[in-house]
Amino acid sequence: MNWNEYVEYTHQLLITDPPPPPYDNPDYHHYTKMNETRMKRWVKTNPVTAETAAVIQSISKPQNWVVITEPWCVDAAHIVPILYLMSSLNDKISFELQLRDSGSEIDQYLTNGSKSIPILIVRDEAGKDLFHWGPRPKEGQAMYLDLAANKADFEVVKNAIQTYYNADKSLSTQREVVALLNAVYTPQ
């Protein structure tokens, strides 16, 4: 699905009565509602830096960006809109979203054996993977793994992740994806 279809899909999950599983669980419904608001805020504020824009705009060969995600995912609410905004800066980049739990390619892109999302897969015009990235920036991942190792309460983890993304302002996501793009196009 494309970005607009994903946004509409997310909204439909919130207004369908009763919502389909897992959104019939009040917690999932609440996360999705919060995530819809977060996605809209990221698109409205558009924090893509001039440096990021310059790299994206310099891509001269067609690419397909595939993002594996789900509307309930907190990390996705902060990352997927940024990836969409980045991709929209160059008409050589196609942007596609796959729902992790509905026939996605997630089994080929596991994170330490888990189906962690979001995952960005960047492919060339022949469909060859150039790289994949995710499920979150390195600093956020280190924080998450530390909290998990210390068996932090879910509310503590959720609040820490939210605080991290708000303070980071998407800069880590942009820097890491740009570094991977530069590595693909810079001779070693």
N, C-alpha and C. Protein backbone atom coordinates (compact mmCIF):
# COMPACT_ATOMS: atom_id res chain seq x y z
N MET A 1 0.84 -1.18 0.00
CA MET A 1 0.00 0.00 0.00
C MET A 1 0.88 1.24 0.00
N ASN A 2 0.35 2.35 -0.47
CA ASN A 2 1.11 3.60 -0.46
C ASN A 2 0.83 4.35 0.85
N TRP A 3 1.47 5.50 1.02
CA TRP A 3 1.35 6.26 2.26
C TRP A 3 -0.10 6.66 2.54
N ASN A 4 -0.79 7.21 1.56
CA ASN A 4 -2.17 7.65 1.79
C ASN A 4 -3.08 6.48 2.14
N GLU A 5 -2.86 5.35 1.51
CA GLU A 5 -3.65 4.15 1.84
C GLU A 5 -3.37 3.69 3.27
N TYR A 6 -2.13 3.79 3.69
CA TYR A 6 -1.76 3.40 5.05
C TYR A 6 -2.41 4.33 6.08
N VAL A 7 -2.37 5.62 5.80
CA VAL A 7 -3.00 6.59 6.71
C VAL A 7 -4.50 6.32 6.79
N GLU A 8 -5.12 6.06 5.67
CA GLU A 8 -6.56 5.78 5.66
C GLU A 8 -6.86 4.45 6.36
N TYR A 9 -6.03 3.44 6.12
CA TYR A 9 -6.19 2.16 6.80
C TYR A 9 -6.14 2.34 8.32
N THR A 10 -5.16 3.10 8.78
CA THR A 10 -5.02 3.37 10.21
C THR A 10 -6.27 4.05 10.75
N HIS A 11 -6.77 5.03 10.03
CA HIS A 11 -7.96 5.75 10.48
C HIS A 11 -9.18 4.83 10.51
N GLN A 12 -9.32 4.00 9.48
CA GLN A 12 -10.46 3.08 9.43
C GLN A 12 -10.45 2.11 10.61
N LEU A 13 -9.28 1.69 11.03
CA LEU A 13 -9.19 0.80 12.20
C LEU A 13 -9.80 1.47 13.43
N LEU A 14 -9.65 2.77 13.51
CA LEU A 14 -10.12 3.51 14.68
C LEU A 14 -11.62 3.79 14.66
N ILE A 15 -12.22 3.82 13.49
CA ILE A 15 -13.65 4.15 13.42
C ILE A 15 -14.54 2.95 13.14
N THR A 16 -13.94 1.80 12.84
CA THR A 16 -14.72 0.60 12.60
C THR A 16 -15.22 0.04 13.94
N ASP A 17 -16.50 -0.29 13.98
CA ASP A 17 -17.08 -0.80 15.21
C ASP A 17 -17.81 -2.11 14.93
N PRO A 18 -17.36 -3.21 15.46
CA PRO A 18 -16.17 -3.35 16.29
C PRO A 18 -14.92 -3.43 15.42
N PRO A 19 -13.78 -2.98 15.95
CA PRO A 19 -12.54 -3.06 15.18
C PRO A 19 -12.05 -4.50 15.05
N PRO A 20 -11.31 -4.78 13.99
CA PRO A 20 -10.78 -6.15 13.81
C PRO A 20 -9.65 -6.41 14.82
N PRO A 21 -9.38 -7.69 15.10
CA PRO A 21 -8.23 -8.02 15.96
C PRO A 21 -6.93 -7.56 15.32
N PRO A 22 -5.94 -7.16 16.04
CA PRO A 22 -5.87 -7.03 17.48
C PRO A 22 -6.43 -5.71 18.01
N TYR A 23 -7.00 -4.90 17.12
CA TYR A 23 -7.45 -3.56 17.49
C TYR A 23 -8.71 -3.58 18.35
N ASP A 24 -9.32 -4.77 18.50
CA ASP A 24 -10.44 -4.91 19.41
C ASP A 24 -9.97 -4.94 20.87
N ASN A 25 -8.67 -5.11 21.05
CA ASN A 25 -8.07 -4.99 22.38
C ASN A 25 -7.94 -3.49 22.68
N PRO A 26 -8.50 -3.02 23.80
CA PRO A 26 -8.47 -1.57 24.09
C PRO A 26 -7.06 -0.97 24.08
N ASP A 27 -6.06 -1.73 24.50
CA ASP A 27 -4.69 -1.21 24.50
C ASP A 27 -4.21 -0.94 23.07
N TYR A 28 -4.42 -1.90 22.18
CA TYR A 28 -4.02 -1.72 20.78
C TYR A 28 -4.77 -0.56 20.14
N HIS A 29 -6.04 -0.46 20.44
CA HIS A 29 -6.85 0.65 19.90
C HIS A 29 -6.28 1.98 20.38
N HIS A 30 -5.95 2.06 21.65
CA HIS A 30 -5.39 3.29 22.22
C HIS A 30 -4.04 3.63 21.57
N TYR A 31 -3.16 2.62 21.43
CA TYR A 31 -1.85 2.87 20.81
C TYR A 31 -2.03 3.39 19.39
N THR A 32 -2.96 2.80 18.68
CA THR A 32 -3.18 3.20 17.29
C THR A 32 -3.71 4.62 17.21
N LYS A 33 -4.59 4.97 18.12
CA LYS A 33 -5.12 6.34 18.15
C LYS A 33 -3.99 7.34 18.42
N MET A 34 -3.15 7.04 19.39
CA MET A 34 -2.00 7.90 19.69
C MET A 34 -1.05 7.97 18.49
N ASN A 35 -0.83 6.83 17.85
CA ASN A 35 0.09 6.77 16.72
C ASN A 35 -0.42 7.55 15.52
N GLU A 36 -1.74 7.54 15.30
CA GLU A 36 -2.30 8.34 14.21
C GLU A 36 -1.98 9.82 14.45
N THR A 37 -2.14 10.27 15.67
CA THR A 37 -1.83 11.66 16.02
C THR A 37 -0.34 11.95 15.82
N ARG A 38 0.50 11.03 16.24
CA ARG A 38 1.96 11.21 16.09
C ARG A 38 2.35 11.29 14.62
N MET A 39 1.79 10.40 13.81
CA MET A 39 2.13 10.42 12.38
C MET A 39 1.74 11.75 11.75
N LYS A 40 0.54 12.23 12.07
CA LYS A 40 0.09 13.51 11.52
C LYS A 40 1.01 14.65 11.95
N ARG A 41 1.44 14.61 13.22
CA ARG A 41 2.33 15.67 13.72
C ARG A 41 3.65 15.66 12.98
N TRP A 42 4.24 14.47 12.75
CA TRP A 42 5.52 14.40 12.04
C TRP A 42 5.38 14.94 10.61
N VAL A 43 4.31 14.57 9.94
CA VAL A 43 4.12 15.04 8.57
C VAL A 43 3.92 16.55 8.56
N LYS A 44 3.16 17.06 9.52
CA LYS A 44 2.90 18.51 9.57
C LYS A 44 4.17 19.30 9.87
N THR A 45 4.98 18.82 10.81
CA THR A 45 6.19 19.56 11.18
C THR A 45 7.34 19.34 10.21
N ASN A 46 7.31 18.23 9.46
CA ASN A 46 8.32 17.89 8.45
C ASN A 46 9.74 18.29 8.87
N PRO A 47 10.35 17.49 9.77
CA PRO A 47 11.68 17.84 10.28
C PRO A 47 12.85 17.40 9.40
N VAL A 48 12.59 17.04 8.15
CA VAL A 48 13.68 16.59 7.27
C VAL A 48 14.66 17.74 7.08
N THR A 49 15.92 17.46 7.39
CA THR A 49 16.95 18.50 7.34
C THR A 49 17.39 18.78 5.90
N ALA A 50 18.03 19.92 5.73
CA ALA A 50 18.56 20.28 4.41
C ALA A 50 19.62 19.27 3.96
N GLU A 51 20.42 18.78 4.91
CA GLU A 51 21.46 17.80 4.58
C GLU A 51 20.83 16.50 4.07
N THR A 52 19.78 16.06 4.77
CA THR A 52 19.08 14.85 4.35
C THR A 52 18.46 15.07 2.97
N ALA A 53 17.80 16.19 2.80
CA ALA A 53 17.14 16.49 1.52
C ALA A 53 18.15 16.49 0.37
N ALA A 54 19.33 17.04 0.61
CA ALA A 54 20.35 17.10 -0.45
C ALA A 54 20.76 15.69 -0.89
N VAL A 55 20.95 14.79 0.06
CA VAL A 55 21.34 13.42 -0.29
C VAL A 55 20.21 12.73 -1.04
N ILE A 56 18.99 12.85 -0.53
CA ILE A 56 17.84 12.20 -1.17
C ILE A 56 17.66 12.74 -2.59
N GLN A 57 17.75 14.04 -2.76
CA GLN A 57 17.55 14.64 -4.07
C GLN A 57 18.65 14.29 -5.05
N SER A 58 19.81 13.86 -4.55
CA SER A 58 20.93 13.51 -5.44
C SER A 58 20.83 12.07 -5.97
N ILE A 59 19.88 11.28 -5.48
CA ILE A 59 19.72 9.91 -5.96
C ILE A 59 19.30 9.97 -7.43
N SER A 60 20.09 9.33 -8.29
CA SER A 60 19.84 9.44 -9.73
C SER A 60 19.30 8.16 -10.36
N LYS A 61 19.30 7.08 -9.60
CA LYS A 61 18.80 5.81 -10.12
C LYS A 61 17.54 5.42 -9.35
N PRO A 62 16.56 4.81 -10.03
CA PRO A 62 15.33 4.42 -9.34
C PRO A 62 15.59 3.48 -8.14
N GLN A 63 14.83 3.73 -7.09
CA GLN A 63 14.86 2.90 -5.90
C GLN A 63 13.43 2.60 -5.47
N ASN A 64 13.27 1.47 -4.79
CA ASN A 64 11.99 1.14 -4.17
C ASN A 64 12.25 1.01 -2.68
N TRP A 65 11.56 1.84 -1.91
CA TRP A 65 11.65 1.77 -0.46
C TRP A 65 10.42 1.01 0.02
N VAL A 66 10.66 -0.12 0.67
CA VAL A 66 9.60 -0.94 1.24
C VAL A 66 9.72 -0.84 2.76
N VAL A 67 8.63 -0.49 3.40
CA VAL A 67 8.63 -0.39 4.86
C VAL A 67 7.63 -1.40 5.41
N ILE A 68 8.13 -2.25 6.30
CA ILE A 68 7.26 -3.22 6.98
C ILE A 68 6.88 -2.60 8.32
N THR A 69 5.57 -2.53 8.57
CA THR A 69 5.08 -1.79 9.72
C THR A 69 3.73 -2.32 10.18
N GLU A 70 3.18 -1.71 11.20
CA GLU A 70 1.81 -1.92 11.67
C GLU A 70 1.36 -0.65 12.37
N PRO A 71 0.09 -0.27 12.27
CA PRO A 71 -0.39 0.96 12.90
C PRO A 71 -0.27 1.00 14.42
N TRP A 72 -0.23 -0.15 15.08
CA TRP A 72 -0.13 -0.16 16.54
C TRP A 72 1.28 0.09 17.05
N CYS A 73 2.28 0.06 16.20
CA CYS A 73 3.68 0.13 16.61
C CYS A 73 4.11 1.56 16.93
N VAL A 74 4.54 1.76 18.18
CA VAL A 74 4.98 3.09 18.62
C VAL A 74 6.17 3.56 17.81
N ASP A 75 7.17 2.70 17.61
CA ASP A 75 8.35 3.10 16.84
C ASP A 75 7.97 3.51 15.43
N ALA A 76 7.06 2.76 14.83
CA ALA A 76 6.63 3.07 13.46
C ALA A 76 5.98 4.44 13.36
N ALA A 77 5.24 4.83 14.38
CA ALA A 77 4.57 6.14 14.35
C ALA A 77 5.57 7.28 14.28
N HIS A 78 6.77 7.05 14.78
CA HIS A 78 7.81 8.09 14.77
C HIS A 78 8.75 7.97 13.58
N ILE A 79 8.86 6.80 12.99
CA ILE A 79 9.84 6.57 11.93
C ILE A 79 9.21 6.56 10.53
N VAL A 80 8.10 5.88 10.36
CA VAL A 80 7.51 5.72 9.02
C VAL A 80 7.18 7.07 8.38
N PRO A 81 6.61 8.05 9.10
CA PRO A 81 6.35 9.34 8.45
C PRO A 81 7.63 10.02 7.97
N ILE A 82 8.72 9.85 8.71
CA ILE A 82 9.99 10.47 8.32
C ILE A 82 10.50 9.80 7.04
N LEU A 83 10.42 8.48 6.98
CA LEU A 83 10.84 7.77 5.77
C LEU A 83 9.99 8.19 4.58
N TYR A 84 8.69 8.33 4.82
CA TYR A 84 7.80 8.79 3.74
C TYR A 84 8.21 10.19 3.27
N LEU A 85 8.41 11.10 4.21
CA LEU A 85 8.79 12.47 3.84
C LEU A 85 10.11 12.48 3.07
N MET A 86 11.06 11.67 3.51
CA MET A 86 12.34 11.59 2.81
C MET A 86 12.13 11.08 1.39
N SER A 87 11.38 10.00 1.25
CA SER A 87 11.18 9.41 -0.08
C SER A 87 10.45 10.36 -1.03
N SER A 88 9.60 11.19 -0.49
CA SER A 88 8.80 12.09 -1.34
C SER A 88 9.63 13.22 -1.95
N LEU A 89 10.88 13.32 -1.55
CA LEU A 89 11.75 14.38 -2.08
C LEU A 89 12.37 14.03 -3.44
N ASN A 90 12.15 12.79 -3.90
CA ASN A 90 12.77 12.39 -5.16
C ASN A 90 11.81 11.45 -5.89
N ASP A 91 11.42 11.82 -7.09
CA ASP A 91 10.46 10.99 -7.82
C ASP A 91 11.07 9.68 -8.35
N LYS A 92 12.36 9.48 -8.14
CA LYS A 92 12.99 8.21 -8.49
C LYS A 92 12.79 7.16 -7.38
N ILE A 93 12.23 7.60 -6.25
CA ILE A 93 12.00 6.69 -5.12
C ILE A 93 10.52 6.35 -5.06
N SER A 94 10.23 5.05 -5.15
CA SER A 94 8.85 4.61 -4.90
C SER A 94 8.78 4.16 -3.44
N PHE A 95 7.64 4.38 -2.82
CA PHE A 95 7.47 4.11 -1.39
C PHE A 95 6.29 3.18 -1.21
N GLU A 96 6.55 2.05 -0.58
CA GLU A 96 5.52 1.02 -0.40
C GLU A 96 5.53 0.56 1.05
N LEU A 97 4.35 0.31 1.60
CA LEU A 97 4.24 -0.19 2.96
C LEU A 97 3.64 -1.59 2.95
N GLN A 98 4.18 -2.45 3.78
CA GLN A 98 3.65 -3.79 3.97
C GLN A 98 3.26 -3.93 5.44
N LEU A 99 2.12 -4.53 5.70
CA LEU A 99 1.71 -4.79 7.07
C LEU A 99 2.39 -6.07 7.55
N ARG A 100 3.11 -5.97 8.63
CA ARG A 100 3.90 -7.09 9.14
C ARG A 100 3.08 -8.37 9.26
N ASP A 101 1.87 -8.24 9.76
CA ASP A 101 1.06 -9.41 10.09
C ASP A 101 0.14 -9.86 8.96
N SER A 102 0.33 -9.31 7.76
CA SER A 102 -0.55 -9.65 6.63
C SER A 102 0.25 -9.95 5.37
N GLY A 103 1.05 -10.98 5.40
CA GLY A 103 1.77 -11.40 4.20
C GLY A 103 2.98 -10.57 3.84
N SER A 104 3.62 -9.95 4.81
CA SER A 104 4.81 -9.14 4.53
C SER A 104 6.04 -10.03 4.35
N GLU A 105 7.15 -9.39 4.08
CA GLU A 105 8.43 -10.07 3.92
C GLU A 105 9.22 -10.13 5.23
N ILE A 106 8.59 -9.90 6.35
CA ILE A 106 9.28 -9.74 7.63
C ILE A 106 10.19 -10.92 7.97
N ASP A 107 9.80 -12.14 7.59
CA ASP A 107 10.62 -13.31 7.96
C ASP A 107 12.02 -13.27 7.35
N GLN A 108 12.23 -12.46 6.32
CA GLN A 108 13.55 -12.30 5.72
C GLN A 108 14.36 -11.20 6.40
N TYR A 109 13.74 -10.45 7.32
CA TYR A 109 14.40 -9.28 7.91
C TYR A 109 14.20 -9.26 9.43
N LEU A 110 14.47 -10.40 10.06
CA LEU A 110 14.29 -10.51 11.50
C LEU A 110 15.40 -9.73 12.23
N THR A 111 15.06 -9.26 13.41
CA THR A 111 16.02 -8.57 14.27
C THR A 111 16.27 -9.48 15.46
N ASN A 112 17.44 -10.08 15.52
CA ASN A 112 17.77 -11.03 16.59
C ASN A 112 16.68 -12.08 16.75
N GLY A 113 16.15 -12.55 15.63
CA GLY A 113 15.14 -13.59 15.64
C GLY A 113 13.70 -13.11 15.84
N SER A 114 13.51 -11.81 16.04
CA SER A 114 12.15 -11.30 16.27
C SER A 114 11.65 -10.50 15.06
N LYS A 115 10.35 -10.37 14.98
CA LYS A 115 9.70 -9.64 13.89
C LYS A 115 9.54 -8.17 14.25
N SER A 116 10.62 -7.56 14.70
CA SER A 116 10.60 -6.15 15.12
C SER A 116 10.36 -5.24 13.93
N ILE A 117 9.59 -4.20 14.15
CA ILE A 117 9.26 -3.22 13.11
C ILE A 117 9.39 -1.82 13.67
N PRO A 118 9.52 -0.85 12.80
CA PRO A 118 9.50 -0.90 11.34
C PRO A 118 10.84 -1.31 10.77
N ILE A 119 10.78 -1.86 9.57
CA ILE A 119 11.97 -2.24 8.81
C ILE A 119 11.88 -1.54 7.45
N LEU A 120 12.94 -0.83 7.10
CA LEU A 120 13.06 -0.20 5.78
C LEU A 120 13.96 -1.09 4.93
N ILE A 121 13.47 -1.43 3.75
CA ILE A 121 14.25 -2.18 2.76
C ILE A 121 14.40 -1.27 1.54
N VAL A 122 15.63 -1.00 1.14
CA VAL A 122 15.88 -0.17 -0.03
C VAL A 122 16.39 -1.08 -1.13
N ARG A 123 15.70 -1.06 -2.27
CA ARG A 123 16.03 -1.92 -3.40
C ARG A 123 16.33 -1.08 -4.63
N ASP A 124 17.17 -1.64 -5.49
CA ASP A 124 17.43 -0.96 -6.76
C ASP A 124 16.30 -1.28 -7.74
N GLU A 125 16.41 -0.74 -8.95
CA GLU A 125 15.33 -0.90 -9.92
C GLU A 125 15.15 -2.34 -10.38
N ALA A 126 16.17 -3.19 -10.18
CA ALA A 126 16.06 -4.61 -10.53
C ALA A 126 15.48 -5.44 -9.38
N GLY A 127 15.20 -4.79 -8.25
CA GLY A 127 14.64 -5.48 -7.10
C GLY A 127 15.67 -6.07 -6.16
N LYS A 128 16.95 -5.73 -6.36
CA LYS A 128 18.02 -6.23 -5.49
C LYS A 128 18.10 -5.34 -4.25
N ASP A 129 18.18 -5.98 -3.08
CA ASP A 129 18.33 -5.22 -1.85
C ASP A 129 19.65 -4.47 -1.84
N LEU A 130 19.58 -3.17 -1.60
CA LEU A 130 20.78 -2.36 -1.41
C LEU A 130 21.15 -2.37 0.07
N PHE A 131 20.15 -2.29 0.94
CA PHE A 131 20.33 -2.40 2.38
C PHE A 131 18.96 -2.48 3.04
N HIS A 132 18.97 -2.84 4.32
CA HIS A 132 17.77 -2.70 5.13
C HIS A 132 18.17 -2.10 6.47
N TRP A 133 17.21 -1.45 7.10
CA TRP A 133 17.47 -0.72 8.34
C TRP A 133 16.26 -0.85 9.26
N GLY A 134 16.51 -0.83 10.54
CA GLY A 134 15.44 -0.84 11.52
C GLY A 134 15.77 -1.81 12.64
N PRO A 135 14.94 -1.92 13.60
CA PRO A 135 13.63 -1.32 13.76
C PRO A 135 13.63 0.08 14.36
N ARG A 136 14.77 0.53 14.85
CA ARG A 136 14.85 1.90 15.39
C ARG A 136 16.31 2.34 15.32
N PRO A 137 16.57 3.65 15.48
CA PRO A 137 17.96 4.11 15.46
C PRO A 137 18.80 3.42 16.54
N LYS A 138 20.09 3.34 16.32
CA LYS A 138 21.00 2.61 17.21
C LYS A 138 20.88 3.07 18.66
N GLU A 139 20.85 4.36 18.89
CA GLU A 139 20.75 4.87 20.26
C GLU A 139 19.44 4.43 20.92
N GLY A 140 18.36 4.53 20.18
CA GLY A 140 17.06 4.08 20.69
C GLY A 140 17.04 2.59 20.93
N GLN A 141 17.68 1.83 20.05
CA GLN A 141 17.74 0.38 20.20
C GLN A 141 18.55 0.01 21.44
N ALA A 142 19.67 0.69 21.65
CA ALA A 142 20.49 0.42 22.84
C ALA A 142 19.69 0.71 24.11
N MET A 143 18.96 1.82 24.12
CA MET A 143 18.14 2.17 25.27
C MET A 143 17.07 1.09 25.51
N TYR A 144 16.40 0.68 24.43
CA TYR A 144 15.36 -0.34 24.53
C TYR A 144 15.93 -1.65 25.08
N LEU A 145 17.05 -2.10 24.53
CA LEU A 145 17.65 -3.36 24.96
C LEU A 145 18.09 -3.29 26.42
N ASP A 146 18.60 -2.14 26.85
CA ASP A 146 18.98 -1.97 28.25
C ASP A 146 17.76 -2.06 29.17
N LEU A 147 16.68 -1.39 28.78
CA LEU A 147 15.46 -1.46 29.58
C LEU A 147 14.91 -2.89 29.62
N ALA A 148 14.94 -3.57 28.49
CA ALA A 148 14.45 -4.94 28.43
C ALA A 148 15.31 -5.87 29.30
N ALA A 149 16.64 -5.69 29.24
CA ALA A 149 17.54 -6.52 30.04
C ALA A 149 17.30 -6.31 31.53
N ASN A 150 16.91 -5.10 31.89
CA ASN A 150 16.63 -4.79 33.29
C ASN A 150 15.18 -5.04 33.67
N LYS A 151 14.45 -5.68 32.76
CA LYS A 151 13.04 -6.04 32.99
C LYS A 151 12.19 -4.86 33.44
N ALA A 152 12.40 -3.73 32.76
CA ALA A 152 11.63 -2.53 33.07
C ALA A 152 10.16 -2.75 32.78
N ASP A 153 9.32 -2.13 33.56
CA ASP A 153 7.87 -2.18 33.36
C ASP A 153 7.53 -1.62 31.98
N PHE A 154 6.48 -2.16 31.36
CA PHE A 154 6.08 -1.74 30.02
C PHE A 154 5.83 -0.23 29.95
N GLU A 155 5.20 0.34 30.96
CA GLU A 155 4.93 1.78 30.97
C GLU A 155 6.23 2.58 30.98
N VAL A 156 7.22 2.10 31.69
CA VAL A 156 8.53 2.76 31.73
C VAL A 156 9.16 2.72 30.34
N VAL A 157 9.12 1.56 29.70
CA VAL A 157 9.68 1.40 28.35
C VAL A 157 8.96 2.32 27.38
N LYS A 158 7.64 2.28 27.41
CA LYS A 158 6.82 3.09 26.49
C LYS A 158 7.13 4.58 26.65
N ASN A 159 7.22 5.04 27.89
CA ASN A 159 7.51 6.46 28.14
C ASN A 159 8.94 6.83 27.72
N ALA A 160 9.88 5.93 27.96
CA ALA A 160 11.27 6.19 27.57
C ALA A 160 11.40 6.30 26.05
N ILE A 161 10.72 5.41 25.33
CA ILE A 161 10.76 5.45 23.86
C ILE A 161 10.14 6.76 23.35
N GLN A 162 9.00 7.13 23.91
CA GLN A 162 8.35 8.37 23.50
C GLN A 162 9.25 9.58 23.76
N THR A 163 9.85 9.62 24.93
CA THR A 163 10.76 10.73 25.29
C THR A 163 11.95 10.77 24.34
N TYR A 164 12.50 9.58 24.03
CA TYR A 164 13.63 9.51 23.11
C TYR A 164 13.28 10.11 21.75
N TYR A 165 12.17 9.67 21.17
CA TYR A 165 11.80 10.16 19.83
C TYR A 165 11.51 11.66 19.84
N ASN A 166 10.85 12.14 20.86
CA ASN A 166 10.55 13.58 20.93
C ASN A 166 11.84 14.40 21.02
N ALA A 167 12.79 13.94 21.81
CA ALA A 167 14.05 14.68 21.97
C ALA A 167 14.93 14.58 20.73
N ASP A 168 14.92 13.43 20.08
CA ASP A 168 15.78 13.19 18.91
C ASP A 168 15.29 13.94 17.67
N LYS A 169 14.01 14.21 17.60
CA LYS A 169 13.41 14.96 16.49
C LYS A 169 13.68 14.31 15.12
N SER A 170 13.81 13.01 15.08
CA SER A 170 14.01 12.20 13.88
C SER A 170 15.42 12.30 13.31
N LEU A 171 16.31 13.01 13.97
CA LEU A 171 17.65 13.22 13.41
C LEU A 171 18.45 11.93 13.30
N SER A 172 18.32 11.03 14.27
CA SER A 172 19.07 9.77 14.20
C SER A 172 18.58 8.91 13.05
N THR A 173 17.28 8.84 12.85
CA THR A 173 16.74 8.09 11.72
C THR A 173 17.29 8.65 10.42
N GLN A 174 17.23 9.96 10.27
CA GLN A 174 17.73 10.58 9.04
C GLN A 174 19.22 10.31 8.84
N ARG A 175 20.02 10.51 9.88
CA ARG A 175 21.47 10.31 9.76
C ARG A 175 21.82 8.88 9.38
N GLU A 176 21.16 7.91 10.02
CA GLU A 176 21.49 6.51 9.76
C GLU A 176 21.08 6.08 8.36
N VAL A 177 19.91 6.49 7.92
CA VAL A 177 19.47 6.13 6.56
C VAL A 177 20.34 6.85 5.52
N VAL A 178 20.66 8.10 5.74
CA VAL A 178 21.53 8.84 4.81
C VAL A 178 22.91 8.19 4.74
N ALA A 179 23.45 7.76 5.87
CA ALA A 179 24.76 7.09 5.86
C ALA A 179 24.71 5.81 5.02
N LEU A 180 23.63 5.06 5.13
CA LEU A 180 23.48 3.85 4.32
C LEU A 180 23.33 4.19 2.84
N LEU A 181 22.58 5.22 2.53
CA LEU A 181 22.44 5.66 1.13
C LEU A 181 23.80 6.10 0.58
N ASN A 182 24.53 6.86 1.37
CA ASN A 182 25.86 7.31 0.93
C ASN A 182 26.80 6.13 0.71
N ALA A 183 26.72 5.12 1.57
CA ALA A 183 27.57 3.94 1.43
C ALA A 183 27.26 3.18 0.15
N VAL A 184 26.00 3.17 -0.25
CA VAL A 184 25.59 2.47 -1.48
C VAL A 184 26.14 3.18 -2.71
N TYR A 185 26.20 4.49 -2.67
CA TYR A 185 26.59 5.27 -3.84
C TYR A 185 28.01 5.80 -3.81
N THR A 186 28.73 5.55 -2.73
CA THR A 186 30.11 6.02 -2.64
C THR A 186 31.05 4.84 -2.83
N PRO A 187 31.94 4.89 -3.80
CA PRO A 187 32.89 3.79 -3.98
C PRO A 187 33.74 3.60 -2.74
N GLN A 188 33.97 2.35 -2.39
CA GLN A 188 34.76 2.04 -1.18
C GLN A 188 36.23 2.02 -1.51
